[in-house]
Amino acid sequence: MGAPAIVIASIHHAKELGEAFARYEREYDVRIATDEASAKVCAKDLLTTGHQVALFVVDTDQEQDQLYKLIGGTRQAVPTARRLIVTHVSRFRDDNQTFRHAVAAGKVDALLLMPQGPRDEEFH
C-alpha cells in the first residue's frame, strides 16, 4: 500500500492548486484531475491499487451540475475521505452563499478561499 492520496479537481486553477499542495507530497500522493470524469478515474485507480484517498479538493470553477455530481461522487467512492471545496477570490462571495449549506449539512468538510500566493498559511 502506498501513501494516502490527495485528489485535486480543478479546471482553471489546477496549476496553482498543484503548487499549493506540493508541500504535502512528502507524505501524500498528490493527484490533479481537470474534470469530474478524470477525478473519478483517478480515485478508482488509487483504490484498486490499494491506496487510501485522504482528501478530495474540489474547485468551484466547474458547471454547477458537474460540481454537485463530483461532490456526491466523492462521498460514494470514498466515504471516509475529507472533502474540501475551494473557491477563487473572484467567486468567493457567491460561492460562500451557494455552498454554506453543504458545509452545514456535512456534505463537505470545509469551504475555503483558494490560496492567494506562496506560503498562504491561513489556507494550510
N, C-alpha and C. Protein backbone atom coordinates (compact mmCIF):
# COMPACT_ATOMS: atom_id res chain seq x y z
N MET A 1 0.85 -1.17 0.00
CA MET A 1 0.00 0.00 0.00
C MET A 1 0.89 1.23 0.00
N GLY A 2 0.56 2.19 -0.84
CA GLY A 2 1.33 3.42 -0.94
C GLY A 2 0.81 4.49 0.00
N ALA A 3 1.36 5.66 -0.19
CA ALA A 3 0.96 6.81 0.63
C ALA A 3 -0.50 7.15 0.37
N PRO A 4 -1.20 7.68 1.37
CA PRO A 4 -2.56 8.14 1.13
C PRO A 4 -2.54 9.29 0.12
N ALA A 5 -3.64 9.47 -0.57
CA ALA A 5 -3.68 10.43 -1.67
C ALA A 5 -4.53 11.65 -1.36
N ILE A 6 -4.16 12.72 -2.02
CA ILE A 6 -4.97 13.93 -2.09
C ILE A 6 -5.32 14.10 -3.56
N VAL A 7 -6.61 14.13 -3.87
CA VAL A 7 -7.06 14.28 -5.25
C VAL A 7 -7.64 15.69 -5.40
N ILE A 8 -7.06 16.45 -6.32
CA ILE A 8 -7.47 17.82 -6.57
C ILE A 8 -8.21 17.86 -7.90
N ALA A 9 -9.43 18.40 -7.91
CA ALA A 9 -10.22 18.52 -9.13
C ALA A 9 -10.41 20.01 -9.44
N SER A 10 -9.79 20.46 -10.53
CA SER A 10 -9.89 21.86 -10.92
C SER A 10 -9.69 21.99 -12.42
N ILE A 11 -10.53 22.79 -13.04
CA ILE A 11 -10.40 23.03 -14.48
C ILE A 11 -9.43 24.17 -14.75
N HIS A 12 -9.65 25.31 -14.11
CA HIS A 12 -8.89 26.51 -14.44
C HIS A 12 -7.75 26.83 -13.48
N HIS A 13 -7.72 26.21 -12.31
CA HIS A 13 -6.71 26.55 -11.31
C HIS A 13 -5.87 25.34 -10.89
N ALA A 14 -5.80 24.34 -11.74
CA ALA A 14 -5.06 23.12 -11.40
C ALA A 14 -3.59 23.40 -11.10
N LYS A 15 -2.97 24.25 -11.88
CA LYS A 15 -1.55 24.55 -11.68
C LYS A 15 -1.33 25.21 -10.31
N GLU A 16 -2.14 26.22 -10.00
CA GLU A 16 -1.99 26.93 -8.74
C GLU A 16 -2.26 26.02 -7.54
N LEU A 17 -3.29 25.19 -7.64
CA LEU A 17 -3.59 24.27 -6.54
C LEU A 17 -2.51 23.20 -6.41
N GLY A 18 -2.00 22.74 -7.54
CA GLY A 18 -0.90 21.77 -7.50
C GLY A 18 0.31 22.34 -6.79
N GLU A 19 0.61 23.61 -7.06
CA GLU A 19 1.74 24.27 -6.39
C GLU A 19 1.46 24.44 -4.91
N ALA A 20 0.23 24.79 -4.55
CA ALA A 20 -0.11 24.98 -3.14
C ALA A 20 -0.02 23.67 -2.36
N PHE A 21 -0.40 22.57 -2.99
CA PHE A 21 -0.39 21.28 -2.31
C PHE A 21 0.93 20.53 -2.47
N ALA A 22 1.89 21.09 -3.18
CA ALA A 22 3.19 20.44 -3.35
C ALA A 22 3.89 20.22 -2.01
N ARG A 23 3.60 21.07 -1.05
CA ARG A 23 4.24 20.92 0.27
C ARG A 23 3.84 19.61 0.96
N TYR A 24 2.77 18.95 0.49
CA TYR A 24 2.29 17.72 1.10
C TYR A 24 2.82 16.47 0.41
N GLU A 25 3.58 16.64 -0.67
CA GLU A 25 4.00 15.49 -1.46
C GLU A 25 4.95 14.54 -0.74
N ARG A 26 5.54 14.98 0.32
CA ARG A 26 6.43 14.10 1.08
C ARG A 26 5.63 12.99 1.78
N GLU A 27 4.42 13.31 2.20
CA GLU A 27 3.61 12.35 2.95
C GLU A 27 2.39 11.84 2.20
N TYR A 28 2.01 12.52 1.12
CA TYR A 28 0.81 12.16 0.37
C TYR A 28 1.13 12.03 -1.12
N ASP A 29 0.33 11.23 -1.77
CA ASP A 29 0.38 11.12 -3.22
C ASP A 29 -0.61 12.14 -3.77
N VAL A 30 -0.11 13.28 -4.22
CA VAL A 30 -0.97 14.37 -4.69
C VAL A 30 -1.27 14.16 -6.17
N ARG A 31 -2.56 14.08 -6.49
CA ARG A 31 -3.00 13.87 -7.87
C ARG A 31 -3.89 15.03 -8.29
N ILE A 32 -3.78 15.41 -9.57
CA ILE A 32 -4.58 16.50 -10.10
C ILE A 32 -5.44 15.99 -11.24
N ALA A 33 -6.73 16.30 -11.17
CA ALA A 33 -7.69 15.95 -12.22
C ALA A 33 -8.33 17.24 -12.70
N THR A 34 -8.65 17.30 -13.96
CA THR A 34 -9.19 18.54 -14.52
C THR A 34 -10.70 18.54 -14.68
N ASP A 35 -11.34 17.42 -14.43
CA ASP A 35 -12.80 17.39 -14.54
C ASP A 35 -13.36 16.22 -13.74
N GLU A 36 -14.67 16.12 -13.73
CA GLU A 36 -15.35 15.10 -12.93
C GLU A 36 -14.96 13.70 -13.38
N ALA A 37 -14.89 13.48 -14.69
CA ALA A 37 -14.57 12.14 -15.21
C ALA A 37 -13.15 11.73 -14.84
N SER A 38 -12.18 12.62 -15.00
CA SER A 38 -10.80 12.24 -14.68
C SER A 38 -10.60 12.09 -13.17
N ALA A 39 -11.34 12.84 -12.36
CA ALA A 39 -11.26 12.68 -10.90
C ALA A 39 -11.78 11.30 -10.51
N LYS A 40 -12.85 10.86 -11.16
CA LYS A 40 -13.43 9.55 -10.87
C LYS A 40 -12.44 8.44 -11.25
N VAL A 41 -11.83 8.56 -12.43
CA VAL A 41 -10.85 7.57 -12.88
C VAL A 41 -9.66 7.54 -11.93
N CYS A 42 -9.21 8.71 -11.52
CA CYS A 42 -8.07 8.82 -10.61
C CYS A 42 -8.38 8.13 -9.28
N ALA A 43 -9.53 8.41 -8.70
CA ALA A 43 -9.91 7.80 -7.42
C ALA A 43 -10.04 6.29 -7.54
N LYS A 44 -10.66 5.82 -8.62
CA LYS A 44 -10.81 4.38 -8.81
C LYS A 44 -9.45 3.71 -8.96
N ASP A 45 -8.55 4.35 -9.71
CA ASP A 45 -7.20 3.82 -9.89
C ASP A 45 -6.48 3.71 -8.55
N LEU A 46 -6.59 4.75 -7.75
CA LEU A 46 -5.95 4.73 -6.43
C LEU A 46 -6.51 3.60 -5.56
N LEU A 47 -7.83 3.47 -5.55
CA LEU A 47 -8.46 2.46 -4.70
C LEU A 47 -8.13 1.04 -5.15
N THR A 48 -8.09 0.81 -6.46
CA THR A 48 -7.80 -0.54 -6.95
C THR A 48 -6.34 -0.92 -6.75
N THR A 49 -5.47 0.07 -6.57
CA THR A 49 -4.05 -0.23 -6.33
C THR A 49 -3.71 -0.19 -4.84
N GLY A 50 -4.74 -0.13 -3.99
CA GLY A 50 -4.52 -0.22 -2.56
C GLY A 50 -4.21 1.07 -1.84
N HIS A 51 -4.35 2.20 -2.52
CA HIS A 51 -4.12 3.49 -1.88
C HIS A 51 -5.39 3.97 -1.18
N GLN A 52 -5.21 4.69 -0.11
CA GLN A 52 -6.33 5.38 0.52
C GLN A 52 -6.42 6.77 -0.09
N VAL A 53 -7.62 7.31 -0.15
CA VAL A 53 -7.79 8.71 -0.52
C VAL A 53 -8.13 9.45 0.76
N ALA A 54 -7.23 10.33 1.17
CA ALA A 54 -7.41 11.06 2.42
C ALA A 54 -8.24 12.32 2.23
N LEU A 55 -8.09 12.95 1.07
CA LEU A 55 -8.71 14.26 0.86
C LEU A 55 -9.05 14.47 -0.61
N PHE A 56 -10.26 14.97 -0.84
CA PHE A 56 -10.65 15.46 -2.15
C PHE A 56 -10.72 16.98 -2.05
N VAL A 57 -10.06 17.66 -2.96
CA VAL A 57 -10.10 19.13 -3.04
C VAL A 57 -10.82 19.46 -4.33
N VAL A 58 -11.97 20.12 -4.22
CA VAL A 58 -12.81 20.40 -5.38
C VAL A 58 -12.91 21.91 -5.58
N ASP A 59 -12.46 22.36 -6.73
CA ASP A 59 -12.54 23.78 -7.10
C ASP A 59 -13.94 24.06 -7.63
N THR A 60 -14.48 25.22 -7.31
CA THR A 60 -15.83 25.58 -7.76
C THR A 60 -15.84 26.12 -9.18
N ASP A 61 -14.76 25.98 -9.91
CA ASP A 61 -14.65 26.55 -11.26
C ASP A 61 -15.29 25.68 -12.34
N GLN A 62 -16.28 24.90 -11.99
CA GLN A 62 -16.93 23.99 -12.93
C GLN A 62 -18.41 24.31 -13.03
N GLU A 63 -19.05 23.74 -14.03
CA GLU A 63 -20.50 23.87 -14.13
C GLU A 63 -21.12 23.36 -12.84
N GLN A 64 -22.13 24.02 -12.35
CA GLN A 64 -22.71 23.67 -11.05
C GLN A 64 -23.23 22.23 -11.01
N ASP A 65 -23.86 21.77 -12.08
CA ASP A 65 -24.36 20.39 -12.10
C ASP A 65 -23.20 19.39 -11.99
N GLN A 66 -22.12 19.64 -12.73
CA GLN A 66 -20.95 18.76 -12.68
C GLN A 66 -20.30 18.81 -11.30
N LEU A 67 -20.29 19.99 -10.72
CA LEU A 67 -19.71 20.17 -9.39
C LEU A 67 -20.47 19.35 -8.36
N TYR A 68 -21.79 19.40 -8.39
CA TYR A 68 -22.60 18.62 -7.46
C TYR A 68 -22.40 17.12 -7.68
N LYS A 69 -22.30 16.69 -8.94
CA LYS A 69 -22.04 15.28 -9.24
C LYS A 69 -20.68 14.86 -8.69
N LEU A 70 -19.69 15.74 -8.83
CA LEU A 70 -18.35 15.43 -8.35
C LEU A 70 -18.34 15.30 -6.83
N ILE A 71 -18.96 16.23 -6.15
CA ILE A 71 -19.00 16.17 -4.69
C ILE A 71 -19.73 14.91 -4.22
N GLY A 72 -20.87 14.62 -4.84
CA GLY A 72 -21.60 13.41 -4.50
C GLY A 72 -20.81 12.15 -4.81
N GLY A 73 -20.10 12.17 -5.92
CA GLY A 73 -19.30 11.02 -6.32
C GLY A 73 -18.17 10.74 -5.35
N THR A 74 -17.59 11.78 -4.78
CA THR A 74 -16.51 11.57 -3.81
C THR A 74 -17.05 10.87 -2.56
N ARG A 75 -18.26 11.22 -2.18
CA ARG A 75 -18.87 10.60 -0.99
C ARG A 75 -19.15 9.12 -1.25
N GLN A 76 -19.58 8.80 -2.47
CA GLN A 76 -19.87 7.41 -2.80
C GLN A 76 -18.58 6.60 -2.94
N ALA A 77 -17.57 7.19 -3.58
CA ALA A 77 -16.34 6.46 -3.85
C ALA A 77 -15.54 6.19 -2.58
N VAL A 78 -15.39 7.21 -1.75
CA VAL A 78 -14.58 7.09 -0.54
C VAL A 78 -15.28 7.83 0.60
N PRO A 79 -16.21 7.18 1.27
CA PRO A 79 -16.97 7.86 2.32
C PRO A 79 -16.11 8.41 3.46
N THR A 80 -14.95 7.82 3.68
CA THR A 80 -14.10 8.24 4.79
C THR A 80 -13.18 9.42 4.46
N ALA A 81 -13.07 9.78 3.19
CA ALA A 81 -12.18 10.88 2.79
C ALA A 81 -12.77 12.22 3.21
N ARG A 82 -11.91 13.15 3.50
CA ARG A 82 -12.34 14.52 3.76
C ARG A 82 -12.61 15.18 2.42
N ARG A 83 -13.54 16.13 2.41
CA ARG A 83 -13.89 16.86 1.19
C ARG A 83 -13.78 18.35 1.47
N LEU A 84 -12.98 19.00 0.63
CA LEU A 84 -12.73 20.43 0.76
C LEU A 84 -13.13 21.12 -0.53
N ILE A 85 -13.98 22.13 -0.42
CA ILE A 85 -14.31 22.94 -1.59
C ILE A 85 -13.46 24.21 -1.51
N VAL A 86 -12.80 24.53 -2.60
CA VAL A 86 -12.01 25.76 -2.66
C VAL A 86 -12.58 26.65 -3.75
N THR A 87 -12.52 27.94 -3.50
CA THR A 87 -13.05 28.90 -4.46
C THR A 87 -12.07 30.04 -4.66
N HIS A 88 -12.00 30.52 -5.87
CA HIS A 88 -11.15 31.65 -6.21
C HIS A 88 -11.73 32.92 -5.59
N VAL A 89 -10.87 33.86 -5.27
CA VAL A 89 -11.30 35.10 -4.62
C VAL A 89 -12.39 35.81 -5.43
N SER A 90 -12.34 35.71 -6.75
CA SER A 90 -13.33 36.39 -7.60
C SER A 90 -14.73 35.79 -7.46
N ARG A 91 -14.83 34.56 -6.93
CA ARG A 91 -16.11 33.88 -6.80
C ARG A 91 -16.51 33.64 -5.35
N PHE A 92 -15.66 34.02 -4.41
CA PHE A 92 -15.86 33.60 -3.03
C PHE A 92 -17.18 34.07 -2.44
N ARG A 93 -17.56 35.30 -2.65
CA ARG A 93 -18.79 35.81 -2.05
C ARG A 93 -20.01 35.00 -2.51
N ASP A 94 -20.11 34.76 -3.83
CA ASP A 94 -21.24 33.97 -4.35
C ASP A 94 -21.16 32.51 -3.92
N ASP A 95 -19.95 31.93 -4.02
CA ASP A 95 -19.80 30.52 -3.66
C ASP A 95 -20.04 30.29 -2.18
N ASN A 96 -19.69 31.25 -1.36
CA ASN A 96 -19.94 31.12 0.07
C ASN A 96 -21.43 30.97 0.33
N GLN A 97 -22.25 31.76 -0.35
CA GLN A 97 -23.70 31.65 -0.20
C GLN A 97 -24.21 30.32 -0.74
N THR A 98 -23.66 29.90 -1.88
CA THR A 98 -24.12 28.68 -2.54
C THR A 98 -23.78 27.42 -1.75
N PHE A 99 -22.59 27.34 -1.20
CA PHE A 99 -22.11 26.10 -0.61
C PHE A 99 -22.11 26.07 0.91
N ARG A 100 -22.51 27.15 1.54
CA ARG A 100 -22.56 27.17 3.00
C ARG A 100 -23.44 26.05 3.54
N HIS A 101 -24.56 25.79 2.83
CA HIS A 101 -25.46 24.72 3.29
C HIS A 101 -24.81 23.34 3.20
N ALA A 102 -23.94 23.13 2.23
CA ALA A 102 -23.26 21.84 2.09
C ALA A 102 -22.33 21.59 3.28
N VAL A 103 -21.68 22.64 3.75
CA VAL A 103 -20.82 22.51 4.92
C VAL A 103 -21.67 22.24 6.15
N ALA A 104 -22.73 23.01 6.30
CA ALA A 104 -23.61 22.85 7.47
C ALA A 104 -24.24 21.46 7.53
N ALA A 105 -24.54 20.90 6.36
CA ALA A 105 -25.17 19.58 6.30
C ALA A 105 -24.16 18.44 6.38
N GLY A 106 -22.87 18.76 6.39
CA GLY A 106 -21.85 17.73 6.48
C GLY A 106 -21.52 17.05 5.17
N LYS A 107 -22.00 17.60 4.05
CA LYS A 107 -21.70 17.02 2.75
C LYS A 107 -20.26 17.28 2.34
N VAL A 108 -19.71 18.38 2.82
CA VAL A 108 -18.30 18.70 2.64
C VAL A 108 -17.77 19.16 4.00
N ASP A 109 -16.47 19.07 4.16
CA ASP A 109 -15.88 19.41 5.46
C ASP A 109 -15.57 20.89 5.61
N ALA A 110 -15.29 21.57 4.49
CA ALA A 110 -14.98 23.00 4.59
C ALA A 110 -15.08 23.65 3.21
N LEU A 111 -15.34 24.93 3.24
CA LEU A 111 -15.30 25.78 2.04
C LEU A 111 -14.25 26.84 2.35
N LEU A 112 -13.20 26.86 1.55
CA LEU A 112 -12.09 27.78 1.80
C LEU A 112 -11.77 28.63 0.58
N LEU A 113 -11.25 29.80 0.84
CA LEU A 113 -10.72 30.66 -0.20
C LEU A 113 -9.43 30.02 -0.71
N MET A 114 -9.30 29.94 -2.03
CA MET A 114 -8.12 29.34 -2.64
C MET A 114 -6.86 30.09 -2.19
N PRO A 115 -5.75 29.38 -2.02
CA PRO A 115 -4.51 30.07 -1.63
C PRO A 115 -4.23 31.26 -2.54
N GLN A 116 -3.80 32.35 -1.92
CA GLN A 116 -3.60 33.60 -2.64
C GLN A 116 -2.16 33.85 -3.05
N GLY A 117 -1.26 32.98 -2.67
CA GLY A 117 0.13 33.17 -3.05
C GLY A 117 1.00 32.17 -2.33
N PRO A 118 2.30 32.30 -2.50
CA PRO A 118 3.21 31.36 -1.84
C PRO A 118 3.03 31.39 -0.33
N ARG A 119 3.09 30.22 0.26
CA ARG A 119 3.06 30.08 1.72
C ARG A 119 1.85 30.73 2.35
N ASP A 120 0.69 30.50 1.78
CA ASP A 120 -0.55 31.03 2.33
C ASP A 120 -0.92 30.20 3.56
N GLU A 121 -0.36 30.58 4.70
CA GLU A 121 -0.51 29.78 5.91
C GLU A 121 -1.94 29.76 6.43
N GLU A 122 -2.71 30.77 6.16
CA GLU A 122 -4.11 30.76 6.59
C GLU A 122 -4.85 29.60 5.93
N PHE A 123 -4.58 29.34 4.67
CA PHE A 123 -5.21 28.23 3.97
C PHE A 123 -4.77 26.90 4.55
N HIS A 124 -3.49 26.71 4.72
CA HIS A 124 -2.95 25.43 5.17
C HIS A 124 -3.24 25.19 6.64
